[in-house]
């Protein structure tokens, strides 16, 4: 419940404060959001399976964002940033949909 409240507070703060992301960080923001969504869907799945651990969630959340950003940064340095971004989004997208399917099966028994 605390996570949901934190998410709502964060979204409201974002709309009210309208923070600007520096130009040099803009390519990494969508990747960070997708990585964070992957961790959130994984946490929800773990919660429904009765396996949720706060420490694992925090480490997963932070490491997903950092690793995804590092992969894209490395791609930028090699001149293939767009391809690396696409790769990260595809891999994390597969994980998100896999977790969403498991959540759906758990909730609707289908």
PDB file of N, CA and C in Angstrom:
ATOM      1  N   UNK A   1       0.813  -1.190   0.000  1.00  0.00           N
ATOM      2  CA  UNK A   1       0.000   0.000   0.000  1.00  0.00           C
ATOM      3  C   UNK A   1       0.862   1.262   0.000  1.00  0.00           C
ATOM      4  N   UNK A   2       1.989   1.182   0.705  1.00  0.00           N
ATOM      5  CA  UNK A   2       2.882   2.336   0.763  1.00  0.00           C
ATOM      6  C   UNK A   2       3.424   2.650  -0.628  1.00  0.00           C
ATOM      7  N   UNK A   3       3.721   1.611  -1.401  1.00  0.00           N
ATOM      8  CA  UNK A   3       4.245   1.824  -2.755  1.00  0.00           C
ATOM      9  C   UNK A   3       3.215   2.534  -3.635  1.00  0.00           C
ATOM     10  N   UNK A   4       1.968   2.159  -3.507  1.00  0.00           N
ATOM     11  CA  UNK A   4       0.909   2.785  -4.309  1.00  0.00           C
ATOM     12  C   UNK A   4       0.760   4.257  -3.920  1.00  0.00           C
ATOM     13  N   UNK A   5       0.799   4.524  -2.631  1.00  0.00           N
ATOM     14  CA  UNK A   5       0.715   5.912  -2.163  1.00  0.00           C
ATOM     15  C   UNK A   5       1.914   6.704  -2.678  1.00  0.00           C
ATOM     16  N   UNK A   6       3.105   6.104  -2.606  1.00  0.00           N
ATOM     17  CA  UNK A   6       4.304   6.769  -3.113  1.00  0.00           C
ATOM     18  C   UNK A   6       4.212   7.042  -4.602  1.00  0.00           C
ATOM     19  N   UNK A   7       3.663   6.101  -5.349  1.00  0.00           N
ATOM     20  CA  UNK A   7       3.492   6.286  -6.784  1.00  0.00           C
ATOM     21  C   UNK A   7       2.530   7.434  -7.072  1.00  0.00           C
ATOM     22  N   UNK A   8       1.425   7.479  -6.359  1.00  0.00           N
ATOM     23  CA  UNK A   8       0.442   8.556  -6.551  1.00  0.00           C
ATOM     24  C   UNK A   8       1.052   9.909  -6.192  1.00  0.00           C
ATOM     25  N   UNK A   9       1.759   9.968  -5.062  1.00  0.00           N
ATOM     26  CA  UNK A   9       2.405  11.215  -4.658  1.00  0.00           C
ATOM     27  C   UNK A   9       3.433  11.647  -5.707  1.00  0.00           C
ATOM     28  N   UNK A  10       4.196  10.694  -6.237  1.00  0.00           N
ATOM     29  CA  UNK A  10       5.194  11.009  -7.254  1.00  0.00           C
ATOM     30  C   UNK A  10       4.573  11.540  -8.535  1.00  0.00           C
ATOM     31  N   UNK A  11       3.491  10.930  -8.969  1.00  0.00           N
ATOM     32  CA  UNK A  11       2.821  11.387 -10.197  1.00  0.00           C
ATOM     33  C   UNK A  11       2.243  12.782  -9.992  1.00  0.00           C
ATOM     34  N   UNK A  12       1.589  12.999  -8.859  1.00  0.00           N
ATOM     35  CA  UNK A  12       1.026  14.320  -8.577  1.00  0.00           C
ATOM     36  C   UNK A  12       2.138  15.366  -8.491  1.00  0.00           C
ATOM     37  N   UNK A  13       3.240  15.041  -7.806  1.00  0.00           N
ATOM     38  CA  UNK A  13       4.369  15.977  -7.701  1.00  0.00           C
ATOM     39  C   UNK A  13       4.942  16.290  -9.080  1.00  0.00           C
ATOM     40  N   UNK A  14       4.996  15.295  -9.939  1.00  0.00           N
ATOM     41  CA  UNK A  14       5.490  15.516 -11.297  1.00  0.00           C
ATOM     42  C   UNK A  14       4.614  16.472 -12.082  1.00  0.00           C
ATOM     43  N   UNK A  15       3.304  16.331 -11.941  1.00  0.00           N
ATOM     44  CA  UNK A  15       2.389  17.231 -12.652  1.00  0.00           C
ATOM     45  C   UNK A  15       2.429  18.648 -12.076  1.00  0.00           C
ATOM     46  N   UNK A  16       2.542  18.750 -10.763  1.00  0.00           N
ATOM     47  CA  UNK A  16       2.536  20.059 -10.122  1.00  0.00           C
ATOM     48  C   UNK A  16       3.860  20.788 -10.342  1.00  0.00           C
ATOM     49  N   UNK A  17       4.979  20.104 -10.095  1.00  0.00           N
ATOM     50  CA  UNK A  17       6.292  20.742 -10.176  1.00  0.00           C
ATOM     51  C   UNK A  17       6.832  20.834 -11.601  1.00  0.00           C
ATOM     52  N   UNK A  18       6.392  19.960 -12.486  1.00  0.00           N
ATOM     53  CA  UNK A  18       6.831  19.899 -13.875  1.00  0.00           C
ATOM     54  C   UNK A  18       8.353  20.024 -14.004  1.00  0.00           C
ATOM     55  N   UNK A  19       9.079  19.046 -13.448  1.00  0.00           N
ATOM     56  CA  UNK A  19      10.542  19.121 -13.517  1.00  0.00           C
ATOM     57  C   UNK A  19      11.026  18.956 -14.958  1.00  0.00           C
ATOM     58  N   UNK A  20      12.127  19.600 -15.276  1.00  0.00           N
ATOM     59  CA  UNK A  20      12.713  19.483 -16.608  1.00  0.00           C
ATOM     60  C   UNK A  20      13.922  18.567 -16.538  1.00  0.00           C
ATOM     61  N   UNK A  21      13.976  17.648 -17.456  1.00  0.00           N
ATOM     62  CA  UNK A  21      15.105  16.728 -17.533  1.00  0.00           C
ATOM     63  C   UNK A  21      16.161  17.369 -18.424  1.00  0.00           C
ATOM     64  N   UNK A  22      17.412  17.413 -17.949  1.00  0.00           N
ATOM     65  CA  UNK A  22      18.471  17.976 -18.791  1.00  0.00           C
ATOM     66  C   UNK A  22      18.578  17.230 -20.121  1.00  0.00           C
ATOM     67  N   UNK A  23      18.974  17.938 -21.160  1.00  0.00           N
ATOM     68  CA  UNK A  23      19.018  17.372 -22.508  1.00  0.00           C
ATOM     69  C   UNK A  23      19.894  16.125 -22.561  1.00  0.00           C
ATOM     70  N   UNK A  24      21.013  16.132 -21.847  1.00  0.00           N
ATOM     71  CA  UNK A  24      21.933  14.993 -21.926  1.00  0.00           C
ATOM     72  C   UNK A  24      21.382  13.749 -21.228  1.00  0.00           C
ATOM     73  N   UNK A  25      20.350  13.897 -20.390  1.00  0.00           N
ATOM     74  CA  UNK A  25      19.741  12.742 -19.727  1.00  0.00           C
ATOM     75  C   UNK A  25      18.457  12.263 -20.400  1.00  0.00           C
ATOM     76  N   UNK A  26      17.938  13.021 -21.341  1.00  0.00           N
ATOM     77  CA  UNK A  26      16.664  12.680 -21.966  1.00  0.00           C
ATOM     78  C   UNK A  26      16.642  11.319 -22.659  1.00  0.00           C
ATOM     79  N   UNK A  27      17.720  10.869 -23.303  1.00  0.00           N
ATOM     80  CA  UNK A  27      17.654   9.535 -23.917  1.00  0.00           C
ATOM     81  C   UNK A  27      17.520   8.407 -22.897  1.00  0.00           C
ATOM     82  N   UNK A  28      17.906   8.666 -21.644  1.00  0.00           N
ATOM     83  CA  UNK A  28      17.895   7.618 -20.629  1.00  0.00           C
ATOM     84  C   UNK A  28      16.586   7.553 -19.851  1.00  0.00           C
ATOM     85  N   UNK A  29      15.788   8.599 -19.887  1.00  0.00           N
ATOM     86  CA  UNK A  29      14.550   8.633 -19.105  1.00  0.00           C
ATOM     87  C   UNK A  29      13.556   7.546 -19.521  1.00  0.00           C
ATOM     88  N   UNK A  30      13.261   7.376 -20.811  1.00  0.00           N
ATOM     89  CA  UNK A  30      12.309   6.303 -21.167  1.00  0.00           C
ATOM     90  C   UNK A  30      12.819   4.920 -20.769  1.00  0.00           C
ATOM     91  N   UNK A  31      14.119   4.711 -20.877  1.00  0.00           N
ATOM     92  CA  UNK A  31      14.694   3.421 -20.504  1.00  0.00           C
ATOM     93  C   UNK A  31      14.552   3.208 -19.003  1.00  0.00           C
ATOM     94  N   UNK A  32      14.786   4.253 -18.227  1.00  0.00           N
ATOM     95  CA  UNK A  32      14.645   4.155 -16.770  1.00  0.00           C
ATOM     96  C   UNK A  32      13.201   3.863 -16.386  1.00  0.00           C
ATOM     97  N   UNK A  33      12.255   4.476 -17.088  1.00  0.00           N
ATOM     98  CA  UNK A  33      10.841   4.243 -16.788  1.00  0.00           C
ATOM     99  C   UNK A  33      10.459   2.793 -17.097  1.00  0.00           C
ATOM    100  N   UNK A  34      10.906   2.278 -18.223  1.00  0.00           N
ATOM    101  CA  UNK A  34      10.589   0.891 -18.583  1.00  0.00           C
ATOM    102  C   UNK A  34      11.239  -0.072 -17.591  1.00  0.00           C
ATOM    103  N   UNK A  35      12.471   0.208 -17.186  1.00  0.00           N
ATOM    104  CA  UNK A  35      13.151  -0.645 -16.204  1.00  0.00           C
ATOM    105  C   UNK A  35      12.419  -0.605 -14.861  1.00  0.00           C
ATOM    106  N   UNK A  36      11.956   0.568 -14.466  1.00  0.00           N
ATOM    107  CA  UNK A  36      11.209   0.686 -13.218  1.00  0.00           C
ATOM    108  C   UNK A  36       9.878  -0.054 -13.305  1.00  0.00           C
ATOM    109  N   UNK A  37       9.202   0.032 -14.445  1.00  0.00           N
ATOM    110  CA  UNK A  37       7.947  -0.705 -14.624  1.00  0.00           C
ATOM    111  C   UNK A  37       8.174  -2.207 -14.539  1.00  0.00           C
ATOM    112  N   UNK A  38       9.295  -2.675 -15.084  1.00  0.00           N
ATOM    113  CA  UNK A  38       9.624  -4.094 -14.993  1.00  0.00           C
ATOM    114  C   UNK A  38       9.739  -4.512 -13.529  1.00  0.00           C
ATOM    115  N   UNK A  39      10.429  -3.715 -12.734  1.00  0.00           N
ATOM    116  CA  UNK A  39      10.569  -4.037 -11.311  1.00  0.00           C
ATOM    117  C   UNK A  39       9.218  -4.000 -10.602  1.00  0.00           C
ATOM    118  N   UNK A  40       8.367  -3.037 -10.941  1.00  0.00           N
ATOM    119  CA  UNK A  40       7.055  -2.942 -10.302  1.00  0.00           C
ATOM    120  C   UNK A  40       6.160  -4.136 -10.642  1.00  0.00           C
ATOM    121  N   UNK A  41       6.149  -4.529 -11.911  1.00  0.00           N
ATOM    122  CA  UNK A  41       5.346  -5.694 -12.298  1.00  0.00           C
ATOM    123  C   UNK A  41       5.899  -6.967 -11.664  1.00  0.00           C
ATOM    124  N   UNK A  42       7.216  -7.068 -11.574  1.00  0.00           N
ATOM    125  CA  UNK A  42       7.818  -8.218 -10.901  1.00  0.00           C
ATOM    126  C   UNK A  42       7.458  -8.259  -9.429  1.00  0.00           C
ATOM    127  N   UNK A  43       7.416  -7.093  -8.794  1.00  0.00           N
ATOM    128  CA  UNK A  43       7.046  -7.030  -7.379  1.00  0.00           C
ATOM    129  C   UNK A  43       5.587  -7.420  -7.176  1.00  0.00           C
ATOM    130  N   UNK A  44       4.714  -6.952  -8.057  1.00  0.00           N
ATOM    131  CA  UNK A  44       3.297  -7.307  -7.947  1.00  0.00           C
ATOM    132  C   UNK A  44       3.105  -8.808  -8.127  1.00  0.00           C
ATOM    133  N   UNK A  45       3.810  -9.368  -9.085  1.00  0.00           N
ATOM    134  CA  UNK A  45       3.728 -10.816  -9.293  1.00  0.00           C
ATOM    135  C   UNK A  45       4.225 -11.565  -8.065  1.00  0.00           C
ATOM    136  N   UNK A  46       5.351 -11.124  -7.503  1.00  0.00           N
ATOM    137  CA  UNK A  46       5.892 -11.775  -6.307  1.00  0.00           C
ATOM    138  C   UNK A  46       4.925 -11.645  -5.132  1.00  0.00           C
ATOM    139  N   UNK A  47       4.281 -10.491  -5.013  1.00  0.00           N
ATOM    140  CA  UNK A  47       3.313 -10.282  -3.927  1.00  0.00           C
ATOM    141  C   UNK A  47       2.146 -11.254  -4.058  1.00  0.00           C
ATOM    142  N   UNK A  48       1.641 -11.414  -5.272  1.00  0.00           N
ATOM    143  CA  UNK A  48       0.517 -12.334  -5.482  1.00  0.00           C
ATOM    144  C   UNK A  48       0.925 -13.793  -5.273  1.00  0.00           C
ATOM    145  N   UNK A  49       2.190 -14.105  -5.548  1.00  0.00           N
ATOM    146  CA  UNK A  49       2.695 -15.460  -5.340  1.00  0.00           C
ATOM    147  C   UNK A  49       3.116 -15.705  -3.897  1.00  0.00           C
ATOM    148  N   UNK A  50       3.081 -14.647  -3.073  1.00  0.00           N
ATOM    149  CA  UNK A  50       3.470 -14.777  -1.678  1.00  0.00           C
ATOM    150  C   UNK A  50       4.979 -14.809  -1.475  1.00  0.00           C
ATOM    151  N   UNK A  51       5.739 -14.299  -2.442  1.00  0.00           N
ATOM    152  CA  UNK A  51       7.194 -14.336  -2.380  1.00  0.00           C
ATOM    153  C   UNK A  51       7.825 -12.951  -2.275  1.00  0.00           C
ATOM    154  N   UNK A  52       7.029 -11.925  -2.064  1.00  0.00           N
ATOM    155  CA  UNK A  52       7.536 -10.554  -2.079  1.00  0.00           C
ATOM    156  C   UNK A  52       8.493 -10.306  -0.924  1.00  0.00           C
ATOM    157  N   UNK A  53       9.612  -9.673  -1.243  1.00  0.00           N
ATOM    158  CA  UNK A  53      10.585  -9.261  -0.240  1.00  0.00           C
ATOM    159  C   UNK A  53      10.993  -7.829  -0.563  1.00  0.00           C
ATOM    160  N   UNK A  54      10.869  -6.951   0.404  1.00  0.00           N
ATOM    161  CA  UNK A  54      11.146  -5.532   0.160  1.00  0.00           C
ATOM    162  C   UNK A  54      12.577  -5.288  -0.281  1.00  0.00           C
ATOM    163  N   UNK A  55      13.528  -6.000   0.325  1.00  0.00           N
ATOM    164  CA  UNK A  55      14.936  -5.811  -0.038  1.00  0.00           C
ATOM    165  C   UNK A  55      15.183  -6.228  -1.488  1.00  0.00           C
ATOM    166  N   UNK A  56      14.600  -7.339  -1.864  1.00  0.00           N
ATOM    167  CA  UNK A  56      14.754  -7.805  -3.250  1.00  0.00           C
ATOM    168  C   UNK A  56      14.137  -6.789  -4.206  1.00  0.00           C
ATOM    169  N   UNK A  57      12.983  -6.242  -3.850  1.00  0.00           N
ATOM    170  CA  UNK A  57      12.341  -5.246  -4.705  1.00  0.00           C
ATOM    171  C   UNK A  57      13.214  -4.010  -4.867  1.00  0.00           C
ATOM    172  N   UNK A  58      13.724  -3.482  -3.766  1.00  0.00           N
ATOM    173  CA  UNK A  58      14.552  -2.280  -3.845  1.00  0.00           C
ATOM    174  C   UNK A  58      15.813  -2.510  -4.668  1.00  0.00           C
ATOM    175  N   UNK A  59      16.459  -3.648  -4.461  1.00  0.00           N
ATOM    176  CA  UNK A  59      17.669  -3.958  -5.228  1.00  0.00           C
ATOM    177  C   UNK A  59      17.316  -4.161  -6.696  1.00  0.00           C
ATOM    178  N   UNK A  60      16.225  -4.853  -6.969  1.00  0.00           N
ATOM    179  CA  UNK A  60      15.786  -5.075  -8.345  1.00  0.00           C
ATOM    180  C   UNK A  60      15.447  -3.758  -9.029  1.00  0.00           C
ATOM    181  N   UNK A  61      14.722  -2.902  -8.335  1.00  0.00           N
ATOM    182  CA  UNK A  61      14.321  -1.610  -8.886  1.00  0.00           C
ATOM    183  C   UNK A  61      15.552  -0.787  -9.256  1.00  0.00           C
ATOM    184  N   UNK A  62      16.452  -0.623  -8.302  1.00  0.00           N
ATOM    185  CA  UNK A  62      17.645   0.204  -8.529  1.00  0.00           C
ATOM    186  C   UNK A  62      18.563  -0.411  -9.574  1.00  0.00           C
ATOM    187  N   UNK A  63      18.795  -1.710  -9.486  1.00  0.00           N
ATOM    188  CA  UNK A  63      19.722  -2.338 -10.432  1.00  0.00           C
ATOM    189  C   UNK A  63      19.153  -2.369 -11.846  1.00  0.00           C
ATOM    190  N   UNK A  64      17.845  -2.568 -12.003  1.00  0.00           N
ATOM    191  CA  UNK A  64      17.240  -2.529 -13.337  1.00  0.00           C
ATOM    192  C   UNK A  64      17.479  -1.174 -13.993  1.00  0.00           C
ATOM    193  N   UNK A  65      17.233  -0.114 -13.245  1.00  0.00           N
ATOM    194  CA  UNK A  65      17.389   1.230 -13.798  1.00  0.00           C
ATOM    195  C   UNK A  65      18.853   1.508 -14.132  1.00  0.00           C
ATOM    196  N   UNK A  66      19.748   1.169 -13.219  1.00  0.00           N
ATOM    197  CA  UNK A  66      21.179   1.447 -13.436  1.00  0.00           C
ATOM    198  C   UNK A  66      21.729   0.627 -14.595  1.00  0.00           C
ATOM    199  N   UNK A  67      21.429  -0.663 -14.625  1.00  0.00           N
ATOM    200  CA  UNK A  67      21.956  -1.515 -15.697  1.00  0.00           C
ATOM    201  C   UNK A  67      21.396  -1.094 -17.053  1.00  0.00           C
ATOM    202  N   UNK A  68      20.110  -0.806 -17.116  1.00  0.00           N
ATOM    203  CA  UNK A  68      19.516  -0.365 -18.389  1.00  0.00           C
ATOM    204  C   UNK A  68      20.155   0.934 -18.858  1.00  0.00           C
ATOM    205  N   UNK A  69      20.350   1.881 -17.943  1.00  0.00           N
ATOM    206  CA  UNK A  69      20.978   3.148 -18.312  1.00  0.00           C
ATOM    207  C   UNK A  69      22.424   2.937 -18.753  1.00  0.00           C
ATOM    208  N   UNK A  70      23.141   2.052 -18.077  1.00  0.00           N
ATOM    209  CA  UNK A  70      24.533   1.782 -18.470  1.00  0.00           C
ATOM    210  C   UNK A  70      24.619   1.136 -19.852  1.00  0.00           C
ATOM    211  N   UNK A  71      23.695   0.241 -20.151  1.00  0.00           N
ATOM    212  CA  UNK A  71      23.694  -0.388 -21.476  1.00  0.00           C
ATOM    213  C   UNK A  71      23.456   0.656 -22.555  1.00  0.00           C
ATOM    214  N   UNK A  72      22.507   1.545 -22.334  1.00  0.00           N
ATOM    215  CA  UNK A  72      22.229   2.596 -23.319  1.00  0.00           C
ATOM    216  C   UNK A  72      23.402   3.572 -23.407  1.00  0.00           C
ATOM    217  N   UNK A  73      24.010   3.911 -22.266  1.00  0.00           N
ATOM    218  CA  UNK A  73      25.178   4.788 -22.274  1.00  0.00           C
ATOM    219  C   UNK A  73      26.317   4.159 -23.070  1.00  0.00           C
ATOM    220  N   UNK A  74      26.545   2.874 -22.845  1.00  0.00           N
ATOM    221  CA  UNK A  74      27.585   2.173 -23.607  1.00  0.00           C
ATOM    222  C   UNK A  74      27.261   2.195 -25.097  1.00  0.00           C
ATOM    223  N   UNK A  75      26.005   1.984 -25.437  1.00  0.00           N
ATOM    224  CA  UNK A  75      25.586   2.059 -26.834  1.00  0.00           C
ATOM    225  C   UNK A  75      25.822   3.435 -27.423  1.00  0.00           C
ATOM    226  N   UNK A  76      25.553   4.483 -26.643  1.00  0.00           N
ATOM    227  CA  UNK A  76      25.820   5.848 -27.106  1.00  0.00           C
ATOM    228  C   UNK A  76      27.308   6.054 -27.369  1.00  0.00           C
ATOM    229  N   UNK A  77      28.132   5.535 -26.487  1.00  0.00           N
ATOM    230  CA  UNK A  77      29.569   5.689 -26.650  1.00  0.00           C
ATOM    231  C   UNK A  77      30.083   4.934 -27.879  1.00  0.00           C
ATOM    232  N   UNK A  78      29.427   3.846 -28.212  1.00  0.00           N
ATOM    233  CA  UNK A  78      29.818   3.049 -29.381  1.00  0.00           C
ATOM    234  C   UNK A  78      29.146   3.523 -30.661  1.00  0.00           C
ATOM    235  N   UNK A  79      28.229   4.476 -30.539  1.00  0.00           N
ATOM    236  CA  UNK A  79      27.532   4.997 -31.707  1.00  0.00           C
ATOM    237  C   UNK A  79      26.317   4.193 -32.118  1.00  0.00           C
ATOM    238  N   UNK A  80      25.859   3.319 -31.244  1.00  0.00           N
ATOM    239  CA  UNK A  80      24.685   2.490 -31.542  1.00  0.00           C
ATOM    240  C   UNK A  80      23.649   2.617 -30.417  1.00  0.00           C
ATOM    241  N   UNK A  81      23.498   3.834 -29.895  1.00  0.00           N
ATOM    242  CA  UNK A  81      22.601   4.062 -28.767  1.00  0.00           C
ATOM    243  C   UNK A  81      21.160   3.707 -29.052  1.00  0.00           C
ATOM    244  N   UNK A  82      20.682   4.024 -30.257  1.00  0.00           N
ATOM    245  CA  UNK A  82      19.282   3.733 -30.592  1.00  0.00           C
ATOM    246  C   UNK A  82      19.035   2.226 -30.629  1.00  0.00           C
ATOM    247  N   UNK A  83      19.973   1.486 -31.174  1.00  0.00           N
ATOM    248  CA  UNK A  83      19.818   0.028 -31.240  1.00  0.00           C
ATOM    249  C   UNK A  83      19.860  -0.585 -29.843  1.00  0.00           C
ATOM    250  N   UNK A  84      20.748  -0.074 -29.002  1.00  0.00           N
ATOM    251  CA  UNK A  84      20.836  -0.604 -27.637  1.00  0.00           C
ATOM    252  C   UNK A  84      19.569  -0.255 -26.857  1.00  0.00           C
ATOM    253  N   UNK A  85      19.029   0.952 -27.067  1.00  0.00           N
ATOM    254  CA  UNK A  85      17.782   1.334 -26.410  1.00  0.00           C
ATOM    255  C   UNK A  85      16.656   0.399 -26.832  1.00  0.00           C
ATOM    256  N   UNK A  86      16.606   0.104 -28.109  1.00  0.00           N
ATOM    257  CA  UNK A  86      15.576  -0.810 -28.614  1.00  0.00           C
ATOM    258  C   UNK A  86      15.735  -2.189 -27.985  1.00  0.00           C
ATOM    259  N   UNK A  87      16.951  -2.656 -27.888  1.00  0.00           N
ATOM    260  CA  UNK A  87      17.208  -3.959 -27.276  1.00  0.00           C
ATOM    261  C   UNK A  87      16.767  -4.008 -25.822  1.00  0.00           C
ATOM    262  N   UNK A  88      17.088  -2.964 -25.077  1.00  0.00           N
ATOM    263  CA  UNK A  88      16.697  -2.906 -23.664  1.00  0.00           C
ATOM    264  C   UNK A  88      15.180  -2.877 -23.543  1.00  0.00           C
ATOM    265  N   UNK A  89      14.514  -2.082 -24.359  1.00  0.00           N
ATOM    266  CA  UNK A  89      13.050  -1.988 -24.297  1.00  0.00           C
ATOM    267  C   UNK A  89      12.414  -3.328 -24.663  1.00  0.00           C
ATOM    268  N   UNK A  90      12.961  -4.015 -25.652  1.00  0.00           N
ATOM    269  CA  UNK A  90      12.404  -5.314 -26.044  1.00  0.00           C
ATOM    270  C   UNK A  90      12.545  -6.327 -24.915  1.00  0.00           C
ATOM    271  N   UNK A  91      13.739  -6.422 -24.339  1.00  0.00           N
ATOM    272  CA  UNK A  91      13.958  -7.396 -23.269  1.00  0.00           C
ATOM    273  C   UNK A  91      13.085  -7.079 -22.056  1.00  0.00           C
ATOM    274  N   UNK A  92      13.084  -5.830 -21.634  1.00  0.00           N
ATOM    275  CA  UNK A  92      12.268  -5.476 -20.477  1.00  0.00           C
ATOM    276  C   UNK A  92      10.781  -5.563 -20.797  1.00  0.00           C
ATOM    277  N   UNK A  93      10.411  -5.256 -22.034  1.00  0.00           N
ATOM    278  CA  UNK A  93       9.014  -5.400 -22.444  1.00  0.00           C
ATOM    279  C   UNK A  93       8.546  -6.840 -22.364  1.00  0.00           C
ATOM    280  N   UNK A  94       9.393  -7.757 -22.791  1.00  0.00           N
ATOM    281  CA  UNK A  94       9.059  -9.186 -22.692  1.00  0.00           C
ATOM    282  C   UNK A  94       8.844  -9.571 -21.239  1.00  0.00           C
ATOM    283  N   UNK A  95       9.723  -9.091 -20.362  1.00  0.00           N
ATOM    284  CA  UNK A  95       9.585  -9.404 -18.936  1.00  0.00           C
ATOM    285  C   UNK A  95       8.314  -8.788 -18.362  1.00  0.00           C
ATOM    286  N   UNK A  96       7.999  -7.571 -18.756  1.00  0.00           N
ATOM    287  CA  UNK A  96       6.793  -6.910 -18.255  1.00  0.00           C
ATOM    288  C   UNK A  96       5.551  -7.692 -18.684  1.00  0.00           C
ATOM    289  N   UNK A  97       5.475  -8.074 -19.958  1.00  0.00           N
ATOM    290  CA  UNK A  97       4.309  -8.820 -20.430  1.00  0.00           C
ATOM    291  C   UNK A  97       4.246 -10.214 -19.830  1.00  0.00           C
ATOM    292  N   UNK A  98       5.380 -10.822 -19.579  1.00  0.00           N
ATOM    293  CA  UNK A  98       5.396 -12.125 -18.914  1.00  0.00           C
ATOM    294  C   UNK A  98       4.843 -12.004 -17.498  1.00  0.00           C
ATOM    295  N   UNK A  99       5.289 -10.982 -16.777  1.00  0.00           N
ATOM    296  CA  UNK A  99       4.757 -10.758 -15.425  1.00  0.00           C
ATOM    297  C   UNK A  99       3.283 -10.396 -15.468  1.00  0.00           C
ATOM    298  N   UNK A 100       2.880  -9.580 -16.444  1.00  0.00           N
ATOM    299  CA  UNK A 100       1.468  -9.216 -16.565  1.00  0.00           C
ATOM    300  C   UNK A 100       0.609 -10.451 -16.835  1.00  0.00           C
ATOM    301  N   UNK A 101       1.108 -11.362 -17.653  1.00  0.00           N
ATOM    302  CA  UNK A 101       0.362 -12.596 -17.922  1.00  0.00           C
ATOM    303  C   UNK A 101       0.245 -13.441 -16.654  1.00  0.00           C
ATOM    304  N   UNK A 102       1.308 -13.527 -15.875  1.00  0.00           N
ATOM    305  CA  UNK A 102       1.265 -14.293 -14.633  1.00  0.00           C
ATOM    306  C   UNK A 102       0.295 -13.644 -13.635  1.00  0.00           C
ATOM    307  N   UNK A 103       0.280 -12.331 -13.595  1.00  0.00           N
ATOM    308  CA  UNK A 103      -0.644 -11.611 -12.716  1.00  0.00           C
ATOM    309  C   UNK A 103      -2.085 -11.867 -13.146  1.00  0.00           C
ATOM    310  N   UNK A 104      -2.318 -11.793 -14.446  1.00  0.00           N
ATOM    311  CA  UNK A 104      -3.667 -12.057 -14.978  1.00  0.00           C
ATOM    312  C   UNK A 104      -4.112 -13.472 -14.643  1.00  0.00           C
ATOM    313  N   UNK A 105      -3.212 -14.449 -14.840  1.00  0.00           N
ATOM    314  CA  UNK A 105      -3.554 -15.840 -14.520  1.00  0.00           C
ATOM    315  C   UNK A 105      -3.874 -16.001 -13.040  1.00  0.00           C
ATOM    316  N   UNK A 106      -3.103 -15.306 -12.215  1.00  0.00           N
ATOM    317  CA  UNK A 106      -3.324 -15.408 -10.772  1.00  0.00           C
ATOM    318  C   UNK A 106      -4.654 -14.765 -10.367  1.00  0.00           C
ATOM    319  N   UNK A 107      -4.956 -13.599 -10.919  1.00  0.00           N
ATOM    320  CA  UNK A 107      -6.164 -12.886 -10.513  1.00  0.00           C
ATOM    321  C   UNK A 107      -7.434 -13.490 -11.093  1.00  0.00           C
ATOM    322  N   UNK A 108      -7.376 -13.904 -12.366  1.00  0.00           N
ATOM    323  CA  UNK A 108      -8.565 -14.375 -13.045  1.00  0.00           C
ATOM    324  C   UNK A 108      -8.599 -15.882 -13.253  1.00  0.00           C
ATOM    325  N   UNK A 109      -7.570 -16.550 -12.775  1.00  0.00           N
ATOM    326  CA  UNK A 109      -7.477 -18.017 -12.911  1.00  0.00           C
ATOM    327  C   UNK A 109      -7.643 -18.445 -14.364  1.00  0.00           C
ATOM    328  N   UNK A 110      -7.115 -17.606 -15.266  1.00  0.00           N
ATOM    329  CA  UNK A 110      -7.220 -17.920 -16.709  1.00  0.00           C
ATOM    330  C   UNK A 110      -5.920 -17.612 -17.407  1.00  0.00           C
TER     331      UNK A 110
END
